[in-house]
Amino acid sequence: MRVPRLHHYGLLTLALSLALAVSATPASAQTPPQDPQLTAYAKAWVALNQIRDSMHAELAMQKNKKVEDQTKLREDYSERIISRLKALGFTQAKFDSLTYLVSVDSTARAAFEGAVVALEAKKP
């Protein structure tokens, strides 16, 4: 008896799926380590995103469509970012280096994402 070729692919897919399901660990078991520096970076990242969101809303307002107004808003934005970073104990260079670390190191990325999720869960 000849088995259709498509049937073989279905069995192979099923076997591969089962093998992956058995070998995968649950997400709760993969909790990334908490690095205080990455937690502080996550707090700064969330704060800067709030500033960025507010700036984008201001730039989108009809009253701020003139080039001069947009230039002033961008200058204010830069000052607010630097001020907020300083208040959180960061320099722009340190923040940028942690941004790079999170972008290239999967363990650091997982810890950062976990910290962001925790911070956003605490928001009212």
PDB file of N, CA and C in Angstrom:
ATOM      1  N   MET A   1       0.842  -1.178   0.000  1.00  0.00           N
ATOM      2  CA  MET A   1       0.000   0.000   0.000  1.00  0.00           C
ATOM      3  C   MET A   1       0.888   1.242   0.000  1.00  0.00           C
ATOM      4  N   ARG A   2       0.576   2.147  -0.855  1.00  0.00           N
ATOM      5  CA  ARG A   2       1.374   3.349  -1.002  1.00  0.00           C
ATOM      6  C   ARG A   2       0.718   4.489  -0.219  1.00  0.00           C
ATOM      7  N   VAL A   3       1.497   5.165   0.652  1.00  0.00           N
ATOM      8  CA  VAL A   3       0.992   6.273   1.456  1.00  0.00           C
ATOM      9  C   VAL A   3       1.288   7.569   0.712  1.00  0.00           C
ATOM     10  N   PRO A   4       0.305   8.431   0.559  1.00  0.00           N
ATOM     11  CA  PRO A   4       0.547   9.694  -0.149  1.00  0.00           C
ATOM     12  C   PRO A   4       1.649  10.503   0.529  1.00  0.00           C
ATOM     13  N   ARG A   5       2.392  11.227  -0.283  1.00  0.00           N
ATOM     14  CA  ARG A   5       3.524  12.012   0.197  1.00  0.00           C
ATOM     15  C   ARG A   5       3.086  13.076   1.209  1.00  0.00           C
ATOM     16  N   LEU A   6       1.949  13.692   1.008  1.00  0.00           N
ATOM     17  CA  LEU A   6       1.456  14.714   1.937  1.00  0.00           C
ATOM     18  C   LEU A   6       1.244  14.146   3.329  1.00  0.00           C
ATOM     19  N   HIS A   7       0.860  12.893   3.403  1.00  0.00           N
ATOM     20  CA  HIS A   7       0.656  12.250   4.698  1.00  0.00           C
ATOM     21  C   HIS A   7       1.967  12.193   5.484  1.00  0.00           C
ATOM     22  N   HIS A   8       3.070  11.934   4.777  1.00  0.00           N
ATOM     23  CA  HIS A   8       4.386  11.891   5.433  1.00  0.00           C
ATOM     24  C   HIS A   8       4.741  13.254   6.028  1.00  0.00           C
ATOM     25  N   TYR A   9       4.447  14.313   5.291  1.00  0.00           N
ATOM     26  CA  TYR A   9       4.745  15.647   5.793  1.00  0.00           C
ATOM     27  C   TYR A   9       3.917  15.968   7.028  1.00  0.00           C
ATOM     28  N   GLY A  10       2.688  15.533   7.032  1.00  0.00           N
ATOM     29  CA  GLY A  10       1.831  15.750   8.198  1.00  0.00           C
ATOM     30  C   GLY A  10       2.354  15.027   9.417  1.00  0.00           C
ATOM     31  N   LEU A  11       2.810  13.784   9.227  1.00  0.00           N
ATOM     32  CA  LEU A  11       3.374  13.019  10.344  1.00  0.00           C
ATOM     33  C   LEU A  11       4.669  13.653  10.828  1.00  0.00           C
ATOM     34  N   LEU A  12       5.488  14.098   9.897  1.00  0.00           N
ATOM     35  CA  LEU A  12       6.743  14.745  10.269  1.00  0.00           C
ATOM     36  C   LEU A  12       6.477  16.025  11.065  1.00  0.00           C
ATOM     37  N   THR A  13       5.526  16.803  10.616  1.00  0.00           N
ATOM     38  CA  THR A  13       5.163  18.042  11.315  1.00  0.00           C
ATOM     39  C   THR A  13       4.635  17.739  12.711  1.00  0.00           C
ATOM     40  N   LEU A  14       3.805  16.727  12.823  1.00  0.00           N
ATOM     41  CA  LEU A  14       3.264  16.347  14.126  1.00  0.00           C
ATOM     42  C   LEU A  14       4.380  15.880  15.060  1.00  0.00           C
ATOM     43  N   ALA A  15       5.281  15.059  14.557  1.00  0.00           N
ATOM     44  CA  ALA A  15       6.381  14.551  15.379  1.00  0.00           C
ATOM     45  C   ALA A  15       7.284  15.691  15.837  1.00  0.00           C
ATOM     46  N   LEU A  16       7.583  16.628  14.928  1.00  0.00           N
ATOM     47  CA  LEU A  16       8.421  17.767  15.277  1.00  0.00           C
ATOM     48  C   LEU A  16       7.739  18.649  16.314  1.00  0.00           C
ATOM     49  N   SER A  17       6.457  18.882  16.153  1.00  0.00           N
ATOM     50  CA  SER A  17       5.710  19.696  17.112  1.00  0.00           C
ATOM     51  C   SER A  17       5.702  19.067  18.492  1.00  0.00           C
ATOM     52  N   LEU A  18       5.507  17.771  18.551  1.00  0.00           N
ATOM     53  CA  LEU A  18       5.515  17.073  19.843  1.00  0.00           C
ATOM     54  C   LEU A  18       6.890  17.130  20.484  1.00  0.00           C
ATOM     55  N   ALA A  19       7.934  16.954  19.679  1.00  0.00           N
ATOM     56  CA  ALA A  19       9.289  17.002  20.222  1.00  0.00           C
ATOM     57  C   ALA A  19       9.594  18.384  20.798  1.00  0.00           C
ATOM     58  N   LEU A  20       9.179  19.419  20.088  1.00  0.00           N
ATOM     59  CA  LEU A  20       9.411  20.781  20.584  1.00  0.00           C
ATOM     60  C   LEU A  20       8.593  21.065  21.832  1.00  0.00           C
ATOM     61  N   ALA A  21       7.378  20.577  21.878  1.00  0.00           N
ATOM     62  CA  ALA A  21       6.516  20.801  23.044  1.00  0.00           C
ATOM     63  C   ALA A  21       7.077  20.116  24.275  1.00  0.00           C
ATOM     64  N   VAL A  22       7.633  18.937  24.108  1.00  0.00           N
ATOM     65  CA  VAL A  22       8.182  18.196  25.238  1.00  0.00           C
ATOM     66  C   VAL A  22       9.459  18.844  25.741  1.00  0.00           C
ATOM     67  N   SER A  23      10.293  19.339  24.803  1.00  0.00           N
ATOM     68  CA  SER A  23      11.579  19.891  25.214  1.00  0.00           C
ATOM     69  C   SER A  23      11.483  21.329  25.718  1.00  0.00           C
ATOM     70  N   ALA A  24      10.412  22.026  25.393  1.00  0.00           N
ATOM     71  CA  ALA A  24      10.272  23.425  25.807  1.00  0.00           C
ATOM     72  C   ALA A  24       9.944  23.502  27.287  1.00  0.00           C
ATOM     73  N   THR A  25      10.574  24.447  27.946  1.00  0.00           N
ATOM     74  CA  THR A  25      10.256  24.667  29.349  1.00  0.00           C
ATOM     75  C   THR A  25       9.178  25.722  29.434  1.00  0.00           C
ATOM     76  N   PRO A  26       8.350  25.670  30.452  1.00  0.00           N
ATOM     77  CA  PRO A  26       7.301  26.678  30.579  1.00  0.00           C
ATOM     78  C   PRO A  26       7.886  28.068  30.749  1.00  0.00           C
ATOM     79  N   ALA A  27       7.125  29.070  30.312  1.00  0.00           N
ATOM     80  CA  ALA A  27       7.587  30.458  30.383  1.00  0.00           C
ATOM     81  C   ALA A  27       7.874  30.877  31.821  1.00  0.00           C
ATOM     82  N   SER A  28       7.113  30.368  32.773  1.00  0.00           N
ATOM     83  CA  SER A  28       7.341  30.747  34.168  1.00  0.00           C
ATOM     84  C   SER A  28       8.673  30.229  34.684  1.00  0.00           C
ATOM     85  N   ALA A  29       9.189  29.159  34.084  1.00  0.00           N
ATOM     86  CA  ALA A  29      10.477  28.616  34.513  1.00  0.00           C
ATOM     87  C   ALA A  29      11.633  29.381  33.888  1.00  0.00           C
ATOM     88  N   GLN A  30      11.353  30.242  32.922  1.00  0.00           N
ATOM     89  CA  GLN A  30      12.391  30.989  32.243  1.00  0.00           C
ATOM     90  C   GLN A  30      12.468  32.426  32.742  1.00  0.00           C
ATOM     91  N   THR A  31      12.222  32.663  33.992  1.00  0.00           N
ATOM     92  CA  THR A  31      12.276  34.003  34.550  1.00  0.00           C
ATOM     93  C   THR A  31      13.703  34.526  34.481  1.00  0.00           C
ATOM     94  N   PRO A  32      13.907  35.661  33.812  1.00  0.00           N
ATOM     95  CA  PRO A  32      15.254  36.186  33.683  1.00  0.00           C
ATOM     96  C   PRO A  32      15.764  36.734  35.012  1.00  0.00           C
ATOM     97  N   PRO A  33      17.062  36.713  35.199  1.00  0.00           N
ATOM     98  CA  PRO A  33      17.621  37.259  36.434  1.00  0.00           C
ATOM     99  C   PRO A  33      17.388  38.767  36.497  1.00  0.00           C
ATOM    100  N   GLN A  34      17.182  39.283  37.689  1.00  0.00           N
ATOM    101  CA  GLN A  34      16.930  40.708  37.854  1.00  0.00           C
ATOM    102  C   GLN A  34      18.238  41.427  38.168  1.00  0.00           C
ATOM    103  N   ASP A  35      18.625  42.299  37.290  1.00  0.00           N
ATOM    104  CA  ASP A  35      19.815  43.115  37.449  1.00  0.00           C
ATOM    105  C   ASP A  35      19.342  44.507  37.851  1.00  0.00           C
ATOM    106  N   PRO A  36      19.786  45.022  38.992  1.00  0.00           N
ATOM    107  CA  PRO A  36      19.328  46.347  39.430  1.00  0.00           C
ATOM    108  C   PRO A  36      19.592  47.442  38.394  1.00  0.00           C
ATOM    109  N   GLN A  37      20.704  47.312  37.677  1.00  0.00           N
ATOM    110  CA  GLN A  37      21.044  48.297  36.660  1.00  0.00           C
ATOM    111  C   GLN A  37      20.031  48.244  35.505  1.00  0.00           C
ATOM    112  N   LEU A  38      19.622  47.042  35.122  1.00  0.00           N
ATOM    113  CA  LEU A  38      18.633  46.914  34.048  1.00  0.00           C
ATOM    114  C   LEU A  38      17.249  47.343  34.515  1.00  0.00           C
ATOM    115  N   THR A  39      16.952  47.135  35.796  1.00  0.00           N
ATOM    116  CA  THR A  39      15.678  47.598  36.341  1.00  0.00           C
ATOM    117  C   THR A  39      15.632  49.126  36.323  1.00  0.00           C
ATOM    118  N   ALA A  40      16.739  49.758  36.710  1.00  0.00           N
ATOM    119  CA  ALA A  40      16.816  51.228  36.666  1.00  0.00           C
ATOM    120  C   ALA A  40      16.724  51.718  35.221  1.00  0.00           C
ATOM    121  N   TYR A  41      17.368  50.999  34.323  1.00  0.00           N
ATOM    122  CA  TYR A  41      17.293  51.355  32.900  1.00  0.00           C
ATOM    123  C   TYR A  41      15.852  51.248  32.402  1.00  0.00           C
ATOM    124  N   ALA A  42      15.150  50.207  32.817  1.00  0.00           N
ATOM    125  CA  ALA A  42      13.752  50.033  32.407  1.00  0.00           C
ATOM    126  C   ALA A  42      12.901  51.194  32.921  1.00  0.00           C
ATOM    127  N   LYS A  43      13.140  51.626  34.165  1.00  0.00           N
ATOM    128  CA  LYS A  43      12.402  52.780  34.707  1.00  0.00           C
ATOM    129  C   LYS A  43      12.662  54.027  33.869  1.00  0.00           C
ATOM    130  N   ALA A  44      13.932  54.229  33.512  1.00  0.00           N
ATOM    131  CA  ALA A  44      14.279  55.392  32.690  1.00  0.00           C
ATOM    132  C   ALA A  44      13.656  55.271  31.305  1.00  0.00           C
ATOM    133  N   TRP A  45      13.672  54.085  30.742  1.00  0.00           N
ATOM    134  CA  TRP A  45      13.110  53.858  29.409  1.00  0.00           C
ATOM    135  C   TRP A  45      11.615  54.167  29.395  1.00  0.00           C
ATOM    136  N   VAL A  46      10.901  53.711  30.417  1.00  0.00           N
ATOM    137  CA  VAL A  46       9.460  53.978  30.515  1.00  0.00           C
ATOM    138  C   VAL A  46       9.222  55.488  30.669  1.00  0.00           C
ATOM    139  N   ALA A  47      10.017  56.141  31.500  1.00  0.00           N
ATOM    140  CA  ALA A  47       9.862  57.584  31.700  1.00  0.00           C
ATOM    141  C   ALA A  47      10.123  58.351  30.405  1.00  0.00           C
ATOM    142  N   LEU A  48      11.162  57.947  29.673  1.00  0.00           N
ATOM    143  CA  LEU A  48      11.472  58.627  28.413  1.00  0.00           C
ATOM    144  C   LEU A  48      10.390  58.381  27.369  1.00  0.00           C
ATOM    145  N   ASN A  49       9.801  57.206  27.385  1.00  0.00           N
ATOM    146  CA  ASN A  49       8.700  56.933  26.455  1.00  0.00           C
ATOM    147  C   ASN A  49       7.503  57.819  26.750  1.00  0.00           C
ATOM    148  N   GLN A  50       7.248  58.080  28.021  1.00  0.00           N
ATOM    149  CA  GLN A  50       6.146  58.976  28.375  1.00  0.00           C
ATOM    150  C   GLN A  50       6.420  60.395  27.863  1.00  0.00           C
ATOM    151  N   ILE A  51       7.657  60.836  28.002  1.00  0.00           N
ATOM    152  CA  ILE A  51       8.034  62.163  27.500  1.00  0.00           C
ATOM    153  C   ILE A  51       7.912  62.185  25.974  1.00  0.00           C
ATOM    154  N   ARG A  52       8.386  61.124  25.332  1.00  0.00           N
ATOM    155  CA  ARG A  52       8.321  61.038  23.869  1.00  0.00           C
ATOM    156  C   ARG A  52       6.869  61.054  23.378  1.00  0.00           C
ATOM    157  N   ASP A  53       6.007  60.292  24.051  1.00  0.00           N
ATOM    158  CA  ASP A  53       4.594  60.269  23.664  1.00  0.00           C
ATOM    159  C   ASP A  53       3.967  61.655  23.790  1.00  0.00           C
ATOM    160  N   SER A  54       4.294  62.349  24.865  1.00  0.00           N
ATOM    161  CA  SER A  54       3.746  63.682  25.072  1.00  0.00           C
ATOM    162  C   SER A  54       4.260  64.659  24.016  1.00  0.00           C
ATOM    163  N   MET A  55       5.546  64.521  23.652  1.00  0.00           N
ATOM    164  CA  MET A  55       6.111  65.392  22.629  1.00  0.00           C
ATOM    165  C   MET A  55       5.441  65.144  21.278  1.00  0.00           C
ATOM    166  N   HIS A  56       5.219  63.884  20.942  1.00  0.00           N
ATOM    167  CA  HIS A  56       4.565  63.575  19.671  1.00  0.00           C
ATOM    168  C   HIS A  56       3.145  64.152  19.629  1.00  0.00           C
ATOM    169  N   ALA A  57       2.461  64.091  20.747  1.00  0.00           N
ATOM    170  CA  ALA A  57       1.111  64.665  20.810  1.00  0.00           C
ATOM    171  C   ALA A  57       1.170  66.179  20.602  1.00  0.00           C
ATOM    172  N   GLU A  58       2.153  66.837  21.213  1.00  0.00           N
ATOM    173  CA  GLU A  58       2.295  68.282  21.050  1.00  0.00           C
ATOM    174  C   GLU A  58       2.661  68.643  19.614  1.00  0.00           C
ATOM    175  N   LEU A  59       3.555  67.860  19.011  1.00  0.00           N
ATOM    176  CA  LEU A  59       3.948  68.140  17.625  1.00  0.00           C
ATOM    177  C   LEU A  59       2.778  67.967  16.659  1.00  0.00           C
ATOM    178  N   ALA A  60       1.864  67.101  16.994  1.00  0.00           N
ATOM    179  CA  ALA A  60       0.729  66.831  16.113  1.00  0.00           C
ATOM    180  C   ALA A  60      -0.364  67.893  16.193  1.00  0.00           C
ATOM    181  N   MET A  61      -0.329  68.730  17.215  1.00  0.00           N
ATOM    182  CA  MET A  61      -1.355  69.762  17.363  1.00  0.00           C
ATOM    183  C   MET A  61      -1.261  70.779  16.230  1.00  0.00           C
ATOM    184  N   GLN A  62      -2.416  71.213  15.773  1.00  0.00           N
ATOM    185  CA  GLN A  62      -2.475  72.168  14.668  1.00  0.00           C
ATOM    186  C   GLN A  62      -1.733  73.460  15.000  1.00  0.00           C
ATOM    187  N   LYS A  63      -1.807  73.896  16.247  1.00  0.00           N
ATOM    188  CA  LYS A  63      -1.162  75.158  16.629  1.00  0.00           C
ATOM    189  C   LYS A  63       0.363  75.084  16.581  1.00  0.00           C
ATOM    190  N   ASN A  64       0.922  73.865  16.501  1.00  0.00           N
ATOM    191  CA  ASN A  64       2.372  73.689  16.514  1.00  0.00           C
ATOM    192  C   ASN A  64       2.931  73.275  15.157  1.00  0.00           C
ATOM    193  N   LYS A  65       2.291  73.669  14.081  1.00  0.00           N
ATOM    194  CA  LYS A  65       2.713  73.243  12.746  1.00  0.00           C
ATOM    195  C   LYS A  65       3.796  74.128  12.130  1.00  0.00           C
ATOM    196  N   LYS A  66       4.017  75.304  12.704  1.00  0.00           N
ATOM    197  CA  LYS A  66       5.072  76.171  12.179  1.00  0.00           C
ATOM    198  C   LYS A  66       6.433  75.568  12.505  1.00  0.00           C
ATOM    199  N   VAL A  67       7.377  75.787  11.628  1.00  0.00           N
ATOM    200  CA  VAL A  67       8.732  75.249  11.804  1.00  0.00           C
ATOM    201  C   VAL A  67       9.343  75.747  13.114  1.00  0.00           C
ATOM    202  N   GLU A  68       9.111  77.020  13.421  1.00  0.00           N
ATOM    203  CA  GLU A  68       9.678  77.595  14.653  1.00  0.00           C
ATOM    204  C   GLU A  68       9.115  76.894  15.892  1.00  0.00           C
ATOM    205  N   ASP A  69       7.806  76.642  15.860  1.00  0.00           N
ATOM    206  CA  ASP A  69       7.165  75.975  16.995  1.00  0.00           C
ATOM    207  C   ASP A  69       7.693  74.548  17.158  1.00  0.00           C
ATOM    208  N   GLN A  70       7.858  73.856  16.056  1.00  0.00           N
ATOM    209  CA  GLN A  70       8.349  72.477  16.122  1.00  0.00           C
ATOM    210  C   GLN A  70       9.805  72.446  16.600  1.00  0.00           C
ATOM    211  N   THR A  71      10.593  73.407  16.152  1.00  0.00           N
ATOM    212  CA  THR A  71      11.986  73.491  16.596  1.00  0.00           C
ATOM    213  C   THR A  71      12.042  73.731  18.098  1.00  0.00           C
ATOM    214  N   LYS A  72      11.205  74.636  18.584  1.00  0.00           N
ATOM    215  CA  LYS A  72      11.153  74.929  20.026  1.00  0.00           C
ATOM    216  C   LYS A  72      10.720  73.687  20.813  1.00  0.00           C
ATOM    217  N   LEU A  73       9.708  72.983  20.316  1.00  0.00           N
ATOM    218  CA  LEU A  73       9.254  71.763  20.998  1.00  0.00           C
ATOM    219  C   LEU A  73      10.356  70.708  21.039  1.00  0.00           C
ATOM    220  N   ARG A  74      11.099  70.573  19.962  1.00  0.00           N
ATOM    221  CA  ARG A  74      12.187  69.583  19.928  1.00  0.00           C
ATOM    222  C   ARG A  74      13.306  69.957  20.901  1.00  0.00           C
ATOM    223  N   GLU A  75      13.596  71.244  21.010  1.00  0.00           N
ATOM    224  CA  GLU A  75      14.597  71.701  21.973  1.00  0.00           C
ATOM    225  C   GLU A  75      14.128  71.414  23.399  1.00  0.00           C
ATOM    226  N   ASP A  76      12.862  71.725  23.664  1.00  0.00           N
ATOM    227  CA  ASP A  76      12.295  71.442  24.987  1.00  0.00           C
ATOM    228  C   ASP A  76      12.340  69.941  25.283  1.00  0.00           C
ATOM    229  N   TYR A  77      12.035  69.156  24.279  1.00  0.00           N
ATOM    230  CA  TYR A  77      12.058  67.696  24.417  1.00  0.00           C
ATOM    231  C   TYR A  77      13.461  67.224  24.811  1.00  0.00           C
ATOM    232  N   SER A  78      14.466  67.730  24.125  1.00  0.00           N
ATOM    233  CA  SER A  78      15.849  67.337  24.433  1.00  0.00           C
ATOM    234  C   SER A  78      16.218  67.702  25.869  1.00  0.00           C
ATOM    235  N   GLU A  79      15.816  68.896  26.290  1.00  0.00           N
ATOM    236  CA  GLU A  79      16.102  69.332  27.656  1.00  0.00           C
ATOM    237  C   GLU A  79      15.368  68.452  28.675  1.00  0.00           C
ATOM    238  N   ARG A  80      14.110  68.104  28.382  1.00  0.00           N
ATOM    239  CA  ARG A  80      13.347  67.242  29.294  1.00  0.00           C
ATOM    240  C   ARG A  80      13.973  65.857  29.397  1.00  0.00           C
ATOM    241  N   ILE A  81      14.456  65.327  28.283  1.00  0.00           N
ATOM    242  CA  ILE A  81      15.093  64.006  28.284  1.00  0.00           C
ATOM    243  C   ILE A  81      16.352  64.040  29.142  1.00  0.00           C
ATOM    244  N   ILE A  82      17.211  65.029  28.918  1.00  0.00           N
ATOM    245  CA  ILE A  82      18.462  65.135  29.677  1.00  0.00           C
ATOM    246  C   ILE A  82      18.167  65.321  31.161  1.00  0.00           C
ATOM    247  N   SER A  83      17.200  66.172  31.468  1.00  0.00           N
ATOM    248  CA  SER A  83      16.832  66.420  32.856  1.00  0.00           C
ATOM    249  C   SER A  83      16.303  65.146  33.529  1.00  0.00           C
ATOM    250  N   ARG A  84      15.452  64.418  32.825  1.00  0.00           N
ATOM    251  CA  ARG A  84      14.874  63.189  33.395  1.00  0.00           C
ATOM    252  C   ARG A  84      15.942  62.117  33.588  1.00  0.00           C
ATOM    253  N   LEU A  85      16.833  61.980  32.618  1.00  0.00           N
ATOM    254  CA  LEU A  85      17.927  61.011  32.749  1.00  0.00           C
ATOM    255  C   LEU A  85      18.799  61.351  33.964  1.00  0.00           C
ATOM    256  N   LYS A  86      19.099  62.635  34.101  1.00  0.00           N
ATOM    257  CA  LYS A  86      19.924  63.084  35.229  1.00  0.00           C
ATOM    258  C   LYS A  86      19.221  62.797  36.557  1.00  0.00           C
ATOM    259  N   ALA A  87      17.921  63.058  36.614  1.00  0.00           N
ATOM    260  CA  ALA A  87      17.150  62.807  37.840  1.00  0.00           C
ATOM    261  C   ALA A  87      17.131  61.318  38.195  1.00  0.00           C
ATOM    262  N   LEU A  88      17.205  60.476  37.170  1.00  0.00           N
ATOM    263  CA  LEU A  88      17.201  59.033  37.404  1.00  0.00           C
ATOM    264  C   LEU A  88      18.609  58.461  37.564  1.00  0.00           C
ATOM    265  N   GLY A  89      19.626  59.338  37.542  1.00  0.00           N
ATOM    266  CA  GLY A  89      20.998  58.897  37.771  1.00  0.00           C
ATOM    267  C   GLY A  89      21.712  58.381  36.534  1.00  0.00           C
ATOM    268  N   PHE A  90      21.279  58.807  35.369  1.00  0.00           N
ATOM    269  CA  PHE A  90      21.902  58.368  34.114  1.00  0.00           C
ATOM    270  C   PHE A  90      22.496  59.543  33.361  1.00  0.00           C
ATOM    271  N   THR A  91      23.564  59.257  32.633  1.00  0.00           N
ATOM    272  CA  THR A  91      24.033  60.183  31.609  1.00  0.00           C
ATOM    273  C   THR A  91      23.492  59.649  30.284  1.00  0.00           C
ATOM    274  N   GLN A  92      23.525  60.482  29.268  1.00  0.00           N
ATOM    275  CA  GLN A  92      23.073  60.018  27.959  1.00  0.00           C
ATOM    276  C   GLN A  92      23.944  58.850  27.483  1.00  0.00           C
ATOM    277  N   ALA A  93      25.255  58.943  27.738  1.00  0.00           N
ATOM    278  CA  ALA A  93      26.176  57.883  27.308  1.00  0.00           C
ATOM    279  C   ALA A  93      25.877  56.560  28.017  1.00  0.00           C
ATOM    280  N   LYS A  94      25.594  56.617  29.317  1.00  0.00           N
ATOM    281  CA  LYS A  94      25.280  55.393  30.067  1.00  0.00           C
ATOM    282  C   LYS A  94      23.967  54.791  29.581  1.00  0.00           C
ATOM    283  N   PHE A  95      22.979  55.633  29.361  1.00  0.00           N
ATOM    284  CA  PHE A  95      21.697  55.152  28.851  1.00  0.00           C
ATOM    285  C   PHE A  95      21.878  54.501  27.487  1.00  0.00           C
ATOM    286  N   ASP A  96      22.669  55.135  26.628  1.00  0.00           N
ATOM    287  CA  ASP A  96      22.921  54.589  25.290  1.00  0.00           C
ATOM    288  C   ASP A  96      23.665  53.259  25.358  1.00  0.00           C
ATOM    289  N   SER A  97      24.608  53.140  26.297  1.00  0.00           N
ATOM    290  CA  SER A  97      25.347  51.878  26.408  1.00  0.00           C
ATOM    291  C   SER A  97      24.434  50.751  26.886  1.00  0.00           C
ATOM    292  N   LEU A  98      23.503  51.051  27.779  1.00  0.00           N
ATOM    293  CA  LEU A  98      22.545  50.032  28.223  1.00  0.00           C
ATOM    294  C   LEU A  98      21.551  49.697  27.117  1.00  0.00           C
ATOM    295  N   THR A  99      21.200  50.691  26.306  1.00  0.00           N
ATOM    296  CA  THR A  99      20.334  50.429  25.158  1.00  0.00           C
ATOM    297  C   THR A  99      21.024  49.447  24.213  1.00  0.00           C
ATOM    298  N   TYR A 100      22.305  49.652  23.996  1.00  0.00           N
ATOM    299  CA  TYR A 100      23.070  48.745  23.137  1.00  0.00           C
ATOM    300  C   TYR A 100      23.125  47.346  23.753  1.00  0.00           C
ATOM    301  N   LEU A 101      23.406  47.268  25.057  1.00  0.00           N
ATOM    302  CA  LEU A 101      23.481  45.975  25.734  1.00  0.00           C
ATOM    303  C   LEU A 101      22.175  45.201  25.584  1.00  0.00           C
ATOM    304  N   VAL A 102      21.069  45.873  25.805  1.00  0.00           N
ATOM    305  CA  VAL A 102      19.759  45.227  25.707  1.00  0.00           C
ATOM    306  C   VAL A 102      19.475  44.777  24.270  1.00  0.00           C
ATOM    307  N   SER A 103      20.007  45.500  23.313  1.00  0.00           N
ATOM    308  CA  SER A 103      19.743  45.133  21.916  1.00  0.00           C
ATOM    309  C   SER A 103      20.587  43.956  21.437  1.00  0.00           C
ATOM    310  N   VAL A 104      21.723  43.675  22.083  1.00  0.00           N
ATOM    311  CA  VAL A 104      22.589  42.595  21.596  1.00  0.00           C
ATOM    312  C   VAL A 104      22.659  41.380  22.518  1.00  0.00           C
ATOM    313  N   ASP A 105      22.254  41.517  23.761  1.00  0.00           N
ATOM    314  CA  ASP A 105      22.355  40.423  24.739  1.00  0.00           C
ATOM    315  C   ASP A 105      20.948  39.923  25.077  1.00  0.00           C
ATOM    316  N   SER A 106      20.657  38.692  24.700  1.00  0.00           N
ATOM    317  CA  SER A 106      19.299  38.168  24.890  1.00  0.00           C
ATOM    318  C   SER A 106      18.933  38.031  26.362  1.00  0.00           C
ATOM    319  N   THR A 107      19.886  37.732  27.218  1.00  0.00           N
ATOM    320  CA  THR A 107      19.604  37.627  28.653  1.00  0.00           C
ATOM    321  C   THR A 107      19.262  39.001  29.226  1.00  0.00           C
ATOM    322  N   ALA A 108      20.045  39.998  28.828  1.00  0.00           N
ATOM    323  CA  ALA A 108      19.767  41.364  29.279  1.00  0.00           C
ATOM    324  C   ALA A 108      18.423  41.833  28.725  1.00  0.00           C
ATOM    325  N   ARG A 109      18.128  41.464  27.490  1.00  0.00           N
ATOM    326  CA  ARG A 109      16.857  41.849  26.872  1.00  0.00           C
ATOM    327  C   ARG A 109      15.680  41.254  27.634  1.00  0.00           C
ATOM    328  N   ALA A 110      15.807  39.974  28.001  1.00  0.00           N
ATOM    329  CA  ALA A 110      14.734  39.311  28.747  1.00  0.00           C
ATOM    330  C   ALA A 110      14.534  39.966  30.114  1.00  0.00           C
ATOM    331  N   ALA A 111      15.631  40.303  30.794  1.00  0.00           N
ATOM    332  CA  ALA A 111      15.527  40.962  32.101  1.00  0.00           C
ATOM    333  C   ALA A 111      14.891  42.343  31.953  1.00  0.00           C
ATOM    334  N   PHE A 112      15.295  43.076  30.918  1.00  0.00           N
ATOM    335  CA  PHE A 112      14.730  44.399  30.654  1.00  0.00           C
ATOM    336  C   PHE A 112      13.235  44.301  30.372  1.00  0.00           C
ATOM    337  N   GLU A 113      12.846  43.386  29.503  1.00  0.00           N
ATOM    338  CA  GLU A 113      11.429  43.235  29.167  1.00  0.00           C
ATOM    339  C   GLU A 113      10.606  42.841  30.390  1.00  0.00           C
ATOM    340  N   GLY A 114      11.170  41.970  31.232  1.00  0.00           N
ATOM    341  CA  GLY A 114      10.480  41.592  32.465  1.00  0.00           C
ATOM    342  C   GLY A 114      10.288  42.789  33.389  1.00  0.00           C
ATOM    343  N   ALA A 115      11.314  43.626  33.476  1.00  0.00           N
ATOM    344  CA  ALA A 115      11.216  44.826  34.321  1.00  0.00           C
ATOM    345  C   ALA A 115      10.192  45.805  33.768  1.00  0.00           C
ATOM    346  N   VAL A 116      10.141  45.966  32.456  1.00  0.00           N
ATOM    347  CA  VAL A 116       9.163  46.876  31.847  1.00  0.00           C
ATOM    348  C   VAL A 116       7.750  46.374  32.091  1.00  0.00           C
ATOM    349  N   VAL A 117       7.550  45.078  31.929  1.00  0.00           N
ATOM    350  CA  VAL A 117       6.218  44.492  32.174  1.00  0.00           C
ATOM    351  C   VAL A 117       5.804  44.735  33.631  1.00  0.00           C
ATOM    352  N   ALA A 118       6.736  44.515  34.545  1.00  0.00           N
ATOM    353  CA  ALA A 118       6.432  44.721  35.976  1.00  0.00           C
ATOM    354  C   ALA A 118       6.101  46.182  36.254  1.00  0.00           C
ATOM    355  N   LEU A 119       6.869  47.099  35.657  1.00  0.00           N
ATOM    356  CA  LEU A 119       6.606  48.530  35.867  1.00  0.00           C
ATOM    357  C   LEU A 119       5.256  48.944  35.294  1.00  0.00           C
ATOM    358  N   GLU A 120       4.942  48.450  34.119  1.00  0.00           N
ATOM    359  CA  GLU A 120       3.679  48.829  33.492  1.00  0.00           C
ATOM    360  C   GLU A 120       2.488  48.182  34.201  1.00  0.00           C
ATOM    361  N   ALA A 121       2.706  47.055  34.858  1.00  0.00           N
ATOM    362  CA  ALA A 121       1.630  46.411  35.608  1.00  0.00           C
ATOM    363  C   ALA A 121       1.301  47.221  36.874  1.00  0.00           C
ATOM    364  N   LYS A 122       2.271  47.955  37.393  1.00  0.00           N
ATOM    365  CA  LYS A 122       2.078  48.769  38.586  1.00  0.00           C
ATOM    366  C   LYS A 122       1.367  50.084  38.291  1.00  0.00           C
ATOM    367  N   LYS A 123       1.305  50.478  37.012  1.00  0.00           N
ATOM    368  CA  LYS A 123       0.653  51.740  36.667  1.00  0.00           C
ATOM    369  C   LYS A 123      -0.836  51.674  36.977  1.00  0.00           C
ATOM    370  N   PRO A 124      -1.390  52.782  37.479  1.00  0.00           N
ATOM    371  CA  PRO A 124      -2.826  52.812  37.744  1.00  0.00           C
ATOM    372  C   PRO A 124      -3.638  52.891  36.468  1.00  0.00           C
TER     373      PRO A 124
END
